[in-house]
């Protein structure tokens, strides 16, 4: 099978791992830098170009690894592959939904998936009331499209919360505000979903003096067995967003597990190291099952 791996570089750990496992399983896999891709529309079938090379009919399946800075363009390239009948491990709509935290949480709330109490607004005139609606400080302030823990701020007092929120509003930056779940104690859970099954799970604990548990922020990880409820949330969140591969982040609260984020291009390094699971191979097997089905 010919597989296109949409990523900006083969030097990225996750990209390299997926490529290695694809080759081990006997497939031809090729890096497609989606930032260098163009789509030609007009007469005849739409054409996809990588620089000046027409790659429209080169692949049976694609694995998108779309970075945050180029979400719109990357999703448009994925969409064109989809429209040309190529199987993708993540639908273009799923990628754009997952990248926007508010859109993700709106879908989860509608589907009955438990989430932290969340508020979003652009009104700078009633910030104090917004904080009050969430029960007062401390609150978590997040950029709507941040990744790897960037753009996530803990405001412990009303004064600091008002100052931070006011600054973001005046910068015309889209944010959301969430109730701080104290009992989560700087820990969260990453559940890795491939297809319709959970393939690996880990608990991440924040470094000393840091409330964010992301590995990129110095967090420590250990393999865990998620509860049935946690697996249910992860599998359904992935399905509701239209993703085939996803990293689902949860926190444990007094009310049970709460979904905080879904990542459409989850990293493999931390969770493969923590769990010993060959997730890259699981992704390729998922492509094999669905890409071949599409070809028939």
Protein backbone atom coordinates (compact mmCIF):
# COMPACT_ATOMS: atom_id res chain seq x y z
CA UNK A 1 0.00 0.00 0.00
CA UNK A 2 1.20 3.53 -0.75
CA UNK A 3 0.74 5.78 2.29
CA UNK A 4 1.17 9.54 2.44
CA UNK A 5 2.40 10.90 5.78
CA UNK A 6 1.42 14.55 6.09
CA UNK A 7 4.08 16.19 8.25
CA UNK A 8 6.60 18.99 7.91
CA UNK A 9 9.65 16.86 8.72
CA UNK A 10 10.78 13.26 9.05
CA UNK A 11 12.93 14.37 12.02
CA UNK A 12 9.86 14.62 14.25
CA UNK A 13 9.78 11.57 16.57
CA UNK A 14 6.17 10.60 15.87
CA UNK A 15 6.56 11.02 12.11
CA UNK A 16 9.70 8.91 12.06
CA UNK A 17 8.14 6.15 14.18
CA UNK A 18 5.11 5.85 11.92
CA UNK A 19 7.33 5.72 8.83
CA UNK A 20 9.55 3.01 10.35
CA UNK A 21 6.59 0.81 11.28
CA UNK A 22 4.95 1.25 7.88
CA UNK A 23 8.10 0.04 6.16
CA UNK A 24 8.41 -2.90 8.59
CA UNK A 25 4.91 -3.97 7.58
CA UNK A 26 5.81 -3.85 3.90
CA UNK A 27 4.28 -0.55 2.83
CA UNK A 28 5.68 2.32 0.83
CA UNK A 29 5.35 5.50 2.87
CA UNK A 30 6.26 8.98 1.71
CA UNK A 31 6.55 12.27 3.57
CA UNK A 32 4.16 14.93 2.28
CA UNK A 33 4.98 18.40 3.60
CA UNK A 34 1.46 19.78 3.49
CA UNK A 35 2.78 23.34 3.76
CA UNK A 36 4.35 22.79 0.32
CA UNK A 37 1.15 21.38 -1.21
CA UNK A 38 -1.24 23.14 -3.59
CA UNK A 39 -4.65 22.21 -4.94
CA UNK A 40 -5.69 23.03 -8.50
CA UNK A 41 -9.43 23.37 -9.06
CA UNK A 42 -11.30 24.02 -12.28
CA UNK A 43 -11.72 21.83 -15.33
CA UNK A 44 -11.56 18.09 -14.71
CA UNK A 45 -10.71 16.33 -11.46
CA UNK A 46 -9.09 18.51 -8.76
CA UNK A 47 -5.33 18.00 -8.66
CA UNK A 48 -3.03 17.93 -5.63
CA UNK A 49 0.56 19.08 -6.13
CA UNK A 50 3.60 18.74 -3.88
CA UNK A 51 5.66 21.64 -5.17
CA UNK A 52 5.46 20.95 -8.95
CA UNK A 53 4.76 17.20 -8.68
CA UNK A 54 1.22 15.95 -9.24
CA UNK A 55 0.50 13.48 -6.38
CA UNK A 56 -3.27 13.23 -6.89
CA UNK A 57 -3.31 9.48 -7.57
CA UNK A 58 -0.18 8.42 -5.69
CA UNK A 59 -1.65 7.21 -2.38
CA UNK A 60 -4.17 4.69 -1.08
CA UNK A 61 -4.28 6.33 2.36
CA UNK A 62 -2.93 9.33 4.25
CA UNK A 63 -1.94 9.89 7.88
CA UNK A 64 -2.27 13.60 8.74
CA UNK A 65 0.08 15.13 11.32
CA UNK A 66 -1.06 18.74 11.01
CA UNK A 67 0.65 21.42 13.12
CA UNK A 68 -1.31 24.13 14.94
CA UNK A 69 0.07 27.00 12.88
CA UNK A 70 -1.14 25.58 9.57
CA UNK A 71 -4.41 23.95 10.60
CA UNK A 72 -6.58 25.62 7.96
CA UNK A 73 -4.29 24.86 5.02
CA UNK A 74 -3.44 21.37 6.25
CA UNK A 75 -7.11 20.54 6.73
CA UNK A 76 -7.89 21.79 3.22
CA UNK A 77 -5.26 19.45 1.78
CA UNK A 78 -6.68 16.54 3.79
CA UNK A 79 -10.18 17.44 2.58
CA UNK A 80 -9.06 17.26 -1.04
CA UNK A 81 -7.55 13.82 -0.54
CA UNK A 82 -10.83 12.74 1.06
CA UNK A 83 -12.86 14.12 -1.85
CA UNK A 84 -10.61 12.19 -4.22
CA UNK A 85 -11.48 8.94 -2.41
CA UNK A 86 -8.31 8.53 -0.33
CA UNK A 87 -8.70 7.10 3.20
CA UNK A 88 -7.48 9.39 6.00
CA UNK A 89 -6.86 8.49 9.65
CA UNK A 90 -8.42 11.85 10.56
CA UNK A 91 -11.22 13.61 8.73
CA UNK A 92 -10.48 17.23 7.84
CA UNK A 93 -13.52 18.35 9.82
CA UNK A 94 -12.31 16.38 12.84
CA UNK A 95 -8.91 18.09 12.69
CA UNK A 96 -10.42 21.58 12.69
CA UNK A 97 -12.93 20.69 15.41
CA UNK A 98 -10.28 19.21 17.70
CA UNK A 99 -7.93 22.17 17.22
CA UNK A 100 -10.57 24.56 18.58
CA UNK A 101 -11.16 23.81 22.26
CA UNK A 102 -14.51 25.62 22.41
CA UNK A 103 -15.90 23.75 19.41
CA UNK A 104 -14.73 20.45 20.92
CA UNK A 105 -16.37 21.19 24.27
CA UNK A 106 -19.60 22.35 22.60
CA UNK A 107 -19.87 19.02 20.79
CA UNK A 108 -19.03 17.07 23.96
CA UNK A 109 -21.63 18.98 26.01
CA UNK A 110 -24.29 18.31 23.37
CA UNK A 111 -23.44 14.60 23.36
CA UNK A 112 -23.48 14.29 27.15
CA UNK A 113 -19.73 13.81 27.62
CA UNK A 114 -18.75 15.28 31.03
CA UNK A 115 -16.50 18.37 30.88
CA UNK A 116 -15.34 21.00 33.41
CA UNK A 117 -17.57 24.03 33.86
CA UNK A 118 -16.48 26.31 31.02
CA UNK A 119 -17.26 29.84 29.90
CA UNK A 120 -16.25 31.74 26.78
CA UNK A 121 -16.97 35.36 25.94
CA UNK A 122 -15.48 38.40 24.23
CA UNK A 123 -17.07 40.98 26.54
CA UNK A 124 -14.45 42.98 28.49
CA UNK A 125 -17.10 44.84 30.51
CA UNK A 126 -18.28 42.04 32.80
CA UNK A 127 -15.16 40.00 33.53
CA UNK A 128 -15.91 39.93 37.26
CA UNK A 129 -19.34 38.46 36.54
CA UNK A 130 -17.82 35.86 34.23
CA UNK A 131 -15.50 34.69 37.00
CA UNK A 132 -18.43 34.64 39.43
CA UNK A 133 -20.47 32.44 37.09
CA UNK A 134 -17.74 29.79 37.44
CA UNK A 135 -17.83 30.03 41.22
CA UNK A 136 -14.95 32.47 41.62
CA UNK A 137 -11.18 31.97 41.56
CA UNK A 138 -9.03 30.07 41.00
CA UNK A 139 -9.82 29.63 37.31
CA UNK A 140 -7.98 28.19 34.32
CA UNK A 141 -7.61 30.51 31.31
CA UNK A 142 -6.84 28.83 27.98
CA UNK A 143 -6.17 29.97 24.46
CA UNK A 144 -8.78 28.33 22.27
CA UNK A 145 -6.13 26.90 19.95
CA UNK A 146 -3.14 26.32 22.23
CA UNK A 147 -1.16 23.05 22.21
CA UNK A 148 1.26 21.16 24.50
CA UNK A 149 0.18 23.22 27.51
CA UNK A 150 1.07 26.53 25.88
CA UNK A 151 -1.47 29.27 26.50
CA UNK A 152 -2.84 27.64 29.67
CA UNK A 153 -2.76 29.88 32.73
CA UNK A 154 -3.85 29.33 36.34
CA UNK A 155 -5.26 32.54 37.85
CA UNK A 156 -5.43 32.03 41.60
CA UNK A 157 -7.04 35.34 42.57
CA UNK A 158 -9.86 37.46 41.17
CA UNK A 159 -7.44 40.32 40.60
CA UNK A 160 -5.00 38.24 38.52
CA UNK A 161 -7.84 36.56 36.62
CA UNK A 162 -9.40 39.92 35.70
CA UNK A 163 -6.03 41.28 34.57
CA UNK A 164 -5.19 38.27 32.38
CA UNK A 165 -8.66 37.98 30.84
CA UNK A 166 -8.84 41.71 30.15
CA UNK A 167 -5.44 41.59 28.43
CA UNK A 168 -6.50 38.72 26.15
CA UNK A 169 -9.80 40.41 25.27
CA UNK A 170 -8.03 43.65 24.37
CA UNK A 171 -5.57 41.69 22.20
CA UNK A 172 -8.59 40.18 20.38
CA UNK A 173 -7.37 36.72 21.42
CA UNK A 174 -9.94 33.92 21.69
CA UNK A 175 -9.89 32.27 25.11
CA UNK A 176 -12.02 30.12 27.36
CA UNK A 177 -12.26 30.11 31.14
CA UNK A 178 -12.69 26.94 33.18
CA UNK A 179 -13.37 26.11 36.79
CA UNK A 180 -10.19 24.87 38.46
CA UNK A 181 -10.53 21.25 39.56
CA UNK A 182 -8.39 21.26 42.67
CA UNK A 183 -8.67 17.54 43.38
CA UNK A 184 -7.05 16.69 40.02
CA UNK A 185 -3.86 17.77 41.81
CA UNK A 186 -1.78 18.55 38.72
CA UNK A 187 -2.55 15.18 37.13
CA UNK A 188 -4.32 14.21 33.96
CA UNK A 189 -4.81 11.10 31.84
CA UNK A 190 -3.93 10.69 28.16
CA UNK A 191 -5.85 7.90 26.44
CA UNK A 192 -4.67 6.99 22.95
CA UNK A 193 -7.43 5.80 20.63
CA UNK A 194 -6.86 4.08 17.28
CA UNK A 195 -9.99 3.14 15.37
CA UNK A 196 -12.57 1.87 17.82
CA UNK A 197 -10.20 0.74 20.58
CA UNK A 198 -8.01 2.18 23.30
CA UNK A 199 -4.43 1.09 22.60
CA UNK A 200 -2.53 2.84 25.43
CA UNK A 201 -3.12 5.06 28.45
CA UNK A 202 -0.91 7.01 30.82
CA UNK A 203 -1.21 9.30 33.80
CA UNK A 204 0.80 12.52 33.65
CA UNK A 205 1.86 14.34 36.81
CA UNK A 206 3.07 17.94 36.76
CA UNK A 207 6.56 18.97 37.81
CA UNK A 208 7.10 20.73 41.15
CA UNK A 209 5.79 24.29 40.99
CA UNK A 210 3.87 23.61 37.75
CA UNK A 211 0.15 22.84 37.44
CA UNK A 212 0.29 21.69 33.79
CA UNK A 213 1.03 17.99 33.44
CA UNK A 214 2.12 17.99 29.77
CA UNK A 215 5.36 16.11 29.07
CA UNK A 216 6.55 19.19 27.15
CA UNK A 217 6.17 21.16 30.43
CA UNK A 218 8.27 18.69 32.42
CA UNK A 219 5.48 16.35 33.53
CA UNK A 220 6.16 12.72 34.47
CA UNK A 221 4.23 9.83 32.93
CA UNK A 222 3.29 6.33 34.03
CA UNK A 223 1.18 3.66 32.34
CA UNK A 224 -2.30 3.09 33.77
CA UNK A 225 -5.42 1.04 33.15
CA UNK A 226 -8.29 3.52 32.63
CA UNK A 227 -11.71 2.87 34.12
CA UNK A 228 -14.60 1.73 31.95
CA UNK A 229 -16.08 5.24 32.15
CA UNK A 230 -12.79 6.80 31.04
CA UNK A 231 -12.54 4.43 28.09
CA UNK A 232 -16.16 5.16 27.17
CA UNK A 233 -15.49 8.91 27.18
CA UNK A 234 -12.31 8.57 25.09
CA UNK A 235 -13.85 6.29 22.46
CA UNK A 236 -16.99 8.37 22.05
CA UNK A 237 -15.18 11.73 22.03
CA UNK A 238 -12.98 10.44 19.21
CA UNK A 239 -16.02 9.21 17.28
CA UNK A 240 -18.03 12.41 17.80
CA UNK A 241 -15.21 14.55 16.38
CA UNK A 242 -14.74 12.30 13.34
CA UNK A 243 -11.22 11.10 14.12
CA UNK A 244 -9.66 7.68 13.61
CA UNK A 245 -6.58 8.41 15.71
CA UNK A 246 -6.69 10.69 18.75
CA UNK A 247 -5.15 11.50 22.10
CA UNK A 248 -7.93 12.19 24.60
CA UNK A 249 -7.07 14.09 27.79
CA UNK A 250 -9.12 13.66 30.96
CA UNK A 251 -8.90 14.76 34.58
CA UNK A 252 -10.32 12.93 37.59
CA UNK A 253 -12.71 14.96 39.72
CA UNK A 254 -15.06 14.32 42.63
CA UNK A 255 -17.83 14.00 40.04
CA UNK A 256 -15.88 11.48 37.96
CA UNK A 257 -13.70 11.83 34.86
CA UNK A 258 -13.97 15.06 32.86
CA UNK A 259 -12.79 15.55 29.29
CA UNK A 260 -10.52 18.57 28.81
CA UNK A 261 -9.13 18.15 25.29
CA UNK A 262 -8.87 15.94 22.20
CA UNK A 263 -5.70 16.00 20.12
CA UNK A 264 -5.98 15.05 16.44
CA UNK A 265 -2.19 14.72 16.03
CA UNK A 266 -1.11 13.23 19.36
CA UNK A 267 2.58 12.72 20.00
CA UNK A 268 3.91 9.18 20.40
CA UNK A 269 7.17 9.68 22.26
CA UNK A 270 5.90 10.13 25.80
CA UNK A 271 3.17 7.51 25.73
CA UNK A 272 5.21 4.85 23.90
CA UNK A 273 7.99 5.32 26.47
CA UNK A 274 5.58 5.19 29.42
CA UNK A 275 3.53 2.21 28.27
CA UNK A 276 5.84 0.20 26.02
CA UNK A 277 3.03 -0.06 23.45
CA UNK A 278 3.98 0.11 19.77
CA UNK A 279 1.37 2.71 18.91
CA UNK A 280 2.91 3.52 15.53
CA UNK A 281 2.33 -0.09 14.45
CA UNK A 282 -1.29 0.09 15.65
CA UNK A 283 -1.83 3.14 13.46
CA UNK A 284 -0.44 1.37 10.38
CA UNK A 285 -2.62 -1.70 11.04
CA UNK A 286 -5.64 0.61 11.24
CA UNK A 287 -4.65 2.09 7.86
CA UNK A 288 -4.26 -1.41 6.41
CA UNK A 289 -7.77 -2.43 7.43
CA UNK A 290 -9.49 0.70 6.17
CA UNK A 291 -7.33 1.68 3.20
CA UNK A 292 -7.66 -1.77 1.62
CA UNK A 293 -11.40 -1.83 2.28
CA UNK A 294 -11.70 1.49 0.46
CA UNK A 295 -9.68 0.18 -2.51
CA UNK A 296 -12.00 -2.82 -2.97
